[in-house]
Amino acid sequence: MKKKLNGMDIFIIVILIGIVAVGGWFLTGNKGQSAQEKDVTVNLMVEFAEQEKDLAEHINIGDEVLIGEKEKANGTVKSVEAPVAKAMGYNNVEGWVKETEIPERYDVQVVIECKGVDTGDTVELNGNAVRVGTNISVKNKNWVGYGTILSVDVTE
């Protein structure tokens, strides 16, 4: 007995091919830069809390750095500040709160300039969203630090 291909069989085959194509498109995503995305310059202020003075002395303006642990982005140090680290002191008996300095510890604040993409919703470095409060690692041939992003400033 000879099998024949009728109109209904062709319709089902076309529908299945369409479903596979749409599923593949959703799984792979749109890798290209969309119309609303634009290349921008990103200035990150990163704080390395309660560090020794040596870290601040090793960071120089103009240092080339790698930002991130897996997906690394390149950046350049634009400024370095090292105010004395402070902590909150509490006395529950007398009911007071004081801000006290931590001896020989500094909150090293570094501004890093790098290239990124503004997607409209987020700012991305190498495809990873950058947000205030995120912990990141910053590496250089002379020093390494792990800190918190305090600010993200975007310029075109």
C-alpha atoms as a PDB file:
ATOM      1  CA  MET A   1       0.000   0.000   0.000  1.00  0.00           C
ATOM      2  CA  LYS A   2       1.375   3.390  -1.036  1.00  0.00           C
ATOM      3  CA  LYS A   3       1.171   6.285   1.457  1.00  0.00           C
ATOM      4  CA  LYS A   4       0.059   9.624   0.083  1.00  0.00           C
ATOM      5  CA  LEU A   5       0.802  13.072   1.465  1.00  0.00           C
ATOM      6  CA  ASN A   6      -2.412  15.082   1.672  1.00  0.00           C
ATOM      7  CA  GLY A   7      -3.090  18.727   2.535  1.00  0.00           C
ATOM      8  CA  MET A   8      -3.651  18.064   6.234  1.00  0.00           C
ATOM      9  CA  ASP A   9      -0.239  16.360   6.551  1.00  0.00           C
ATOM     10  CA  ILE A  10       1.493  19.335   4.919  1.00  0.00           C
ATOM     11  CA  PHE A  11      -0.374  21.729   7.232  1.00  0.00           C
ATOM     12  CA  ILE A  12       0.777  19.787  10.331  1.00  0.00           C
ATOM     13  CA  ILE A  13       4.395  19.713   9.095  1.00  0.00           C
ATOM     14  CA  VAL A  14       4.376  23.493   8.500  1.00  0.00           C
ATOM     15  CA  ILE A  15       2.937  24.122  11.990  1.00  0.00           C
ATOM     16  CA  LEU A  16       5.611  21.904  13.613  1.00  0.00           C
ATOM     17  CA  ILE A  17       8.418  23.667  11.736  1.00  0.00           C
ATOM     18  CA  GLY A  18       6.992  27.025  12.864  1.00  0.00           C
ATOM     19  CA  ILE A  19       6.840  25.923  16.502  1.00  0.00           C
ATOM     20  CA  VAL A  20      10.453  24.701  16.410  1.00  0.00           C
ATOM     21  CA  ALA A  21      11.614  27.963  14.783  1.00  0.00           C
ATOM     22  CA  VAL A  22       9.824  30.178  17.326  1.00  0.00           C
ATOM     23  CA  GLY A  23      11.109  28.045  20.229  1.00  0.00           C
ATOM     24  CA  GLY A  24      14.666  28.318  18.928  1.00  0.00           C
ATOM     25  CA  TRP A  25      14.360  32.073  18.591  1.00  0.00           C
ATOM     26  CA  PHE A  26      13.148  32.427  22.191  1.00  0.00           C
ATOM     27  CA  LEU A  27      15.837  30.117  23.584  1.00  0.00           C
ATOM     28  CA  THR A  28      18.763  31.771  21.835  1.00  0.00           C
ATOM     29  CA  GLY A  29      17.427  35.281  22.367  1.00  0.00           C
ATOM     30  CA  ASN A  30      18.293  38.356  20.392  1.00  0.00           C
ATOM     31  CA  LYS A  31      22.093  38.646  20.587  1.00  0.00           C
ATOM     32  CA  GLY A  32      22.328  41.859  18.566  1.00  0.00           C
ATOM     33  CA  GLN A  33      22.121  45.326  20.016  1.00  0.00           C
ATOM     34  CA  SER A  34      18.550  46.608  19.806  1.00  0.00           C
ATOM     35  CA  ALA A  35      17.610  50.100  18.661  1.00  0.00           C
ATOM     36  CA  GLN A  36      17.186  51.421  22.200  1.00  0.00           C
ATOM     37  CA  GLU A  37      20.580  50.149  23.396  1.00  0.00           C
ATOM     38  CA  LYS A  38      23.496  52.527  23.157  1.00  0.00           C
ATOM     39  CA  ASP A  39      27.176  52.434  23.998  1.00  0.00           C
ATOM     40  CA  VAL A  40      28.021  54.642  26.960  1.00  0.00           C
ATOM     41  CA  THR A  41      30.843  55.497  29.326  1.00  0.00           C
ATOM     42  CA  VAL A  42      30.170  54.204  32.839  1.00  0.00           C
ATOM     43  CA  ASN A  43      31.772  55.616  35.990  1.00  0.00           C
ATOM     44  CA  LEU A  44      31.539  53.212  38.928  1.00  0.00           C
ATOM     45  CA  MET A  45      32.361  54.233  42.476  1.00  0.00           C
ATOM     46  CA  VAL A  46      33.454  51.099  44.325  1.00  0.00           C
ATOM     47  CA  GLU A  47      34.150  51.024  48.056  1.00  0.00           C
ATOM     48  CA  PHE A  48      36.543  48.542  49.615  1.00  0.00           C
ATOM     49  CA  ALA A  49      35.446  48.769  53.267  1.00  0.00           C
ATOM     50  CA  GLU A  50      37.733  48.616  56.294  1.00  0.00           C
ATOM     51  CA  GLN A  51      41.013  48.079  54.441  1.00  0.00           C
ATOM     52  CA  GLU A  52      44.562  48.803  55.515  1.00  0.00           C
ATOM     53  CA  LYS A  53      46.261  51.925  54.167  1.00  0.00           C
ATOM     54  CA  ASP A  54      48.485  49.767  51.893  1.00  0.00           C
ATOM     55  CA  LEU A  55      45.623  49.116  49.471  1.00  0.00           C
ATOM     56  CA  ALA A  56      44.970  52.818  48.970  1.00  0.00           C
ATOM     57  CA  GLU A  57      48.678  53.450  48.440  1.00  0.00           C
ATOM     58  CA  HIS A  58      48.929  50.768  45.725  1.00  0.00           C
ATOM     59  CA  ILE A  59      45.976  52.095  43.692  1.00  0.00           C
ATOM     60  CA  ASN A  60      47.104  54.764  41.228  1.00  0.00           C
ATOM     61  CA  ILE A  61      45.088  57.021  38.954  1.00  0.00           C
ATOM     62  CA  GLY A  62      45.327  55.604  35.438  1.00  0.00           C
ATOM     63  CA  ASP A  63      45.655  51.956  36.521  1.00  0.00           C
ATOM     64  CA  GLU A  64      44.078  49.519  34.064  1.00  0.00           C
ATOM     65  CA  VAL A  65      41.757  47.136  35.935  1.00  0.00           C
ATOM     66  CA  LEU A  66      39.596  44.078  35.293  1.00  0.00           C
ATOM     67  CA  ILE A  67      36.093  44.266  36.757  1.00  0.00           C
ATOM     68  CA  GLY A  68      34.223  41.085  37.648  1.00  0.00           C
ATOM     69  CA  GLU A  69      35.047  37.461  38.326  1.00  0.00           C
ATOM     70  CA  LYS A  70      33.772  35.561  35.285  1.00  0.00           C
ATOM     71  CA  GLU A  71      32.730  38.052  32.615  1.00  0.00           C
ATOM     72  CA  LYS A  72      35.526  40.582  32.925  1.00  0.00           C
ATOM     73  CA  ALA A  73      35.273  44.188  31.770  1.00  0.00           C
ATOM     74  CA  ASN A  74      38.203  46.573  31.326  1.00  0.00           C
ATOM     75  CA  GLY A  75      38.325  49.877  33.129  1.00  0.00           C
ATOM     76  CA  THR A  76      40.611  52.719  34.203  1.00  0.00           C
ATOM     77  CA  VAL A  77      40.968  54.191  37.693  1.00  0.00           C
ATOM     78  CA  LYS A  78      39.969  57.875  37.662  1.00  0.00           C
ATOM     79  CA  SER A  79      40.204  58.765  41.366  1.00  0.00           C
ATOM     80  CA  VAL A  80      41.069  57.253  44.746  1.00  0.00           C
ATOM     81  CA  GLU A  81      40.027  58.383  48.214  1.00  0.00           C
ATOM     82  CA  ALA A  82      40.672  56.705  51.551  1.00  0.00           C
ATOM     83  CA  PRO A  83      38.656  58.240  54.409  1.00  0.00           C
ATOM     84  CA  VAL A  84      39.045  56.691  57.847  1.00  0.00           C
ATOM     85  CA  ALA A  85      36.646  53.765  58.330  1.00  0.00           C
ATOM     86  CA  LYS A  86      33.795  54.395  60.757  1.00  0.00           C
ATOM     87  CA  ALA A  87      31.419  52.124  62.602  1.00  0.00           C
ATOM     88  CA  MET A  88      28.302  52.704  64.662  1.00  0.00           C
ATOM     89  CA  GLY A  89      28.701  52.167  68.403  1.00  0.00           C
ATOM     90  CA  TYR A  90      25.612  51.376  70.482  1.00  0.00           C
ATOM     91  CA  ASN A  91      24.906  51.618  74.194  1.00  0.00           C
ATOM     92  CA  ASN A  92      21.539  50.058  74.958  1.00  0.00           C
ATOM     93  CA  VAL A  93      21.742  50.800  78.692  1.00  0.00           C
ATOM     94  CA  GLU A  94      22.185  54.553  78.325  1.00  0.00           C
ATOM     95  CA  GLY A  95      20.406  54.729  74.971  1.00  0.00           C
ATOM     96  CA  TRP A  96      22.964  56.411  72.726  1.00  0.00           C
ATOM     97  CA  VAL A  97      24.482  55.736  69.345  1.00  0.00           C
ATOM     98  CA  LYS A  98      27.913  57.045  68.313  1.00  0.00           C
ATOM     99  CA  GLU A  99      29.864  56.940  65.104  1.00  0.00           C
ATOM    100  CA  THR A 100      33.405  55.898  65.974  1.00  0.00           C
ATOM    101  CA  GLU A 101      36.552  55.596  63.884  1.00  0.00           C
ATOM    102  CA  ILE A 102      38.123  52.173  63.386  1.00  0.00           C
ATOM    103  CA  PRO A 103      41.860  52.404  64.139  1.00  0.00           C
ATOM    104  CA  GLU A 104      44.197  51.840  61.186  1.00  0.00           C
ATOM    105  CA  ARG A 105      41.352  50.960  58.804  1.00  0.00           C
ATOM    106  CA  TYR A 106      40.174  52.919  55.772  1.00  0.00           C
ATOM    107  CA  ASP A 107      37.182  52.825  53.422  1.00  0.00           C
ATOM    108  CA  VAL A 108      38.968  52.979  50.070  1.00  0.00           C
ATOM    109  CA  GLN A 109      36.697  54.550  47.436  1.00  0.00           C
ATOM    110  CA  VAL A 110      37.747  54.159  43.799  1.00  0.00           C
ATOM    111  CA  VAL A 111      36.084  55.675  40.720  1.00  0.00           C
ATOM    112  CA  ILE A 112      36.527  53.434  37.669  1.00  0.00           C
ATOM    113  CA  GLU A 113      35.682  54.474  34.106  1.00  0.00           C
ATOM    114  CA  CYS A 114      34.709  51.747  31.636  1.00  0.00           C
ATOM    115  CA  LYS A 115      32.711  51.158  28.471  1.00  0.00           C
ATOM    116  CA  GLY A 116      29.208  49.744  28.820  1.00  0.00           C
ATOM    117  CA  VAL A 117      25.797  49.495  27.214  1.00  0.00           C
ATOM    118  CA  ASP A 118      22.679  51.348  28.369  1.00  0.00           C
ATOM    119  CA  THR A 119      19.704  49.090  27.577  1.00  0.00           C
ATOM    120  CA  GLY A 120      17.099  51.513  28.830  1.00  0.00           C
ATOM    121  CA  ASP A 121      16.345  49.354  31.886  1.00  0.00           C
ATOM    122  CA  THR A 122      19.883  48.581  33.054  1.00  0.00           C
ATOM    123  CA  VAL A 123      23.507  49.449  32.486  1.00  0.00           C
ATOM    124  CA  GLU A 124      25.575  46.447  31.403  1.00  0.00           C
ATOM    125  CA  LEU A 125      29.282  45.652  31.351  1.00  0.00           C
ATOM    126  CA  ASN A 126      30.035  42.679  29.084  1.00  0.00           C
ATOM    127  CA  GLY A 127      26.391  41.606  29.208  1.00  0.00           C
ATOM    128  CA  ASN A 128      26.121  41.718  33.021  1.00  0.00           C
ATOM    129  CA  ALA A 129      23.839  44.233  34.700  1.00  0.00           C
ATOM    130  CA  VAL A 130      25.576  46.683  37.043  1.00  0.00           C
ATOM    131  CA  ARG A 131      23.569  47.946  40.007  1.00  0.00           C
ATOM    132  CA  VAL A 132      24.253  49.991  43.128  1.00  0.00           C
ATOM    133  CA  GLY A 133      24.850  47.684  46.094  1.00  0.00           C
ATOM    134  CA  THR A 134      26.281  44.849  44.007  1.00  0.00           C
ATOM    135  CA  ASN A 135      29.533  43.315  45.242  1.00  0.00           C
ATOM    136  CA  ILE A 136      32.255  43.058  42.598  1.00  0.00           C
ATOM    137  CA  SER A 137      35.914  42.197  42.381  1.00  0.00           C
ATOM    138  CA  VAL A 138      38.423  44.595  40.847  1.00  0.00           C
ATOM    139  CA  LYS A 139      41.868  43.363  39.820  1.00  0.00           C
ATOM    140  CA  ASN A 140      45.105  44.930  38.714  1.00  0.00           C
ATOM    141  CA  LYS A 141      48.605  43.495  38.355  1.00  0.00           C
ATOM    142  CA  ASN A 142      49.613  45.227  41.635  1.00  0.00           C
ATOM    143  CA  TRP A 143      46.462  44.948  43.744  1.00  0.00           C
ATOM    144  CA  VAL A 144      43.065  43.263  44.046  1.00  0.00           C
ATOM    145  CA  GLY A 145      39.940  44.312  45.907  1.00  0.00           C
ATOM    146  CA  TYR A 146      36.425  43.095  46.550  1.00  0.00           C
ATOM    147  CA  GLY A 147      33.928  45.824  47.250  1.00  0.00           C
ATOM    148  CA  THR A 148      30.474  47.290  46.871  1.00  0.00           C
ATOM    149  CA  ILE A 149      29.283  49.581  44.067  1.00  0.00           C
ATOM    150  CA  LEU A 150      28.211  52.893  45.630  1.00  0.00           C
ATOM    151  CA  SER A 151      27.232  54.735  42.447  1.00  0.00           C
ATOM    152  CA  VAL A 152      26.796  54.157  38.716  1.00  0.00           C
ATOM    153  CA  ASP A 153      27.070  57.278  36.550  1.00  0.00           C
ATOM    154  CA  VAL A 154      26.418  57.077  32.812  1.00  0.00           C
ATOM    155  CA  THR A 155      27.632  59.535  30.159  1.00  0.00           C
ATOM    156  CA  GLU A 156      27.341  59.198  26.401  1.00  0.00           C
END
